[in-house]
C-alpha atoms as a PDB file:
ATOM      1  CA  THR A   1      18.351  18.623 -11.371  1.00  0.00           C
ATOM      2  CA  GLY A   2      17.760  16.235  -8.469  1.00  0.00           C
ATOM      3  CA  ILE A   3      17.095  19.095  -6.044  1.00  0.00           C
ATOM      4  CA  SER A   4      14.274  20.663  -8.052  1.00  0.00           C
ATOM      5  CA  LYS A   5      12.892  17.191  -8.688  1.00  0.00           C
ATOM      6  CA  SER A   6      12.622  16.328  -4.993  1.00  0.00           C
ATOM      7  CA  MET A   7      11.261  19.812  -4.293  1.00  0.00           C
ATOM      8  CA  ALA A   8       8.510  19.346  -6.890  1.00  0.00           C
ATOM      9  CA  GLN A   9       7.715  15.986  -5.322  1.00  0.00           C
ATOM     10  CA  GLN A  10       7.429  17.621  -1.897  1.00  0.00           C
ATOM     11  CA  VAL A  11       5.091  20.306  -3.233  1.00  0.00           C
ATOM     12  CA  ARG A  12       2.952  17.688  -4.956  1.00  0.00           C
ATOM     13  CA  GLU A  13       2.723  15.597  -1.784  1.00  0.00           C
ATOM     14  CA  SER A  14       1.708  18.587   0.337  1.00  0.00           C
ATOM     15  CA  CYS A  15      -0.891  19.522  -2.302  1.00  0.00           C
ATOM     16  CA  LEU A  16      -2.284  15.985  -2.214  1.00  0.00           C
ATOM     17  CA  ALA A  17      -2.400  16.049   1.572  1.00  0.00           C
ATOM     18  CA  PHE A  18      -4.261  19.349   1.435  1.00  0.00           C
ATOM     19  CA  LEU A  19      -6.789  17.997  -1.050  1.00  0.00           C
ATOM     20  CA  VAL A  20      -7.359  14.892   1.039  1.00  0.00           C
ATOM     21  CA  LYS A  21      -7.975  17.070   4.078  1.00  0.00           C
ATOM     22  CA  GLU A  22     -10.463  19.223   2.163  1.00  0.00           C
ATOM     23  CA  LEU A  23     -12.347  16.164   0.884  1.00  0.00           C
ATOM     24  CA  GLU A  24     -12.730  14.599   4.318  1.00  0.00           C
END
């Protein structure tokens, strides 16, 4: 569904942001 799709995208983006923070 579109909802779970956008939710997964949000989770992925927050995970990426977290990784970027950790790397810096």
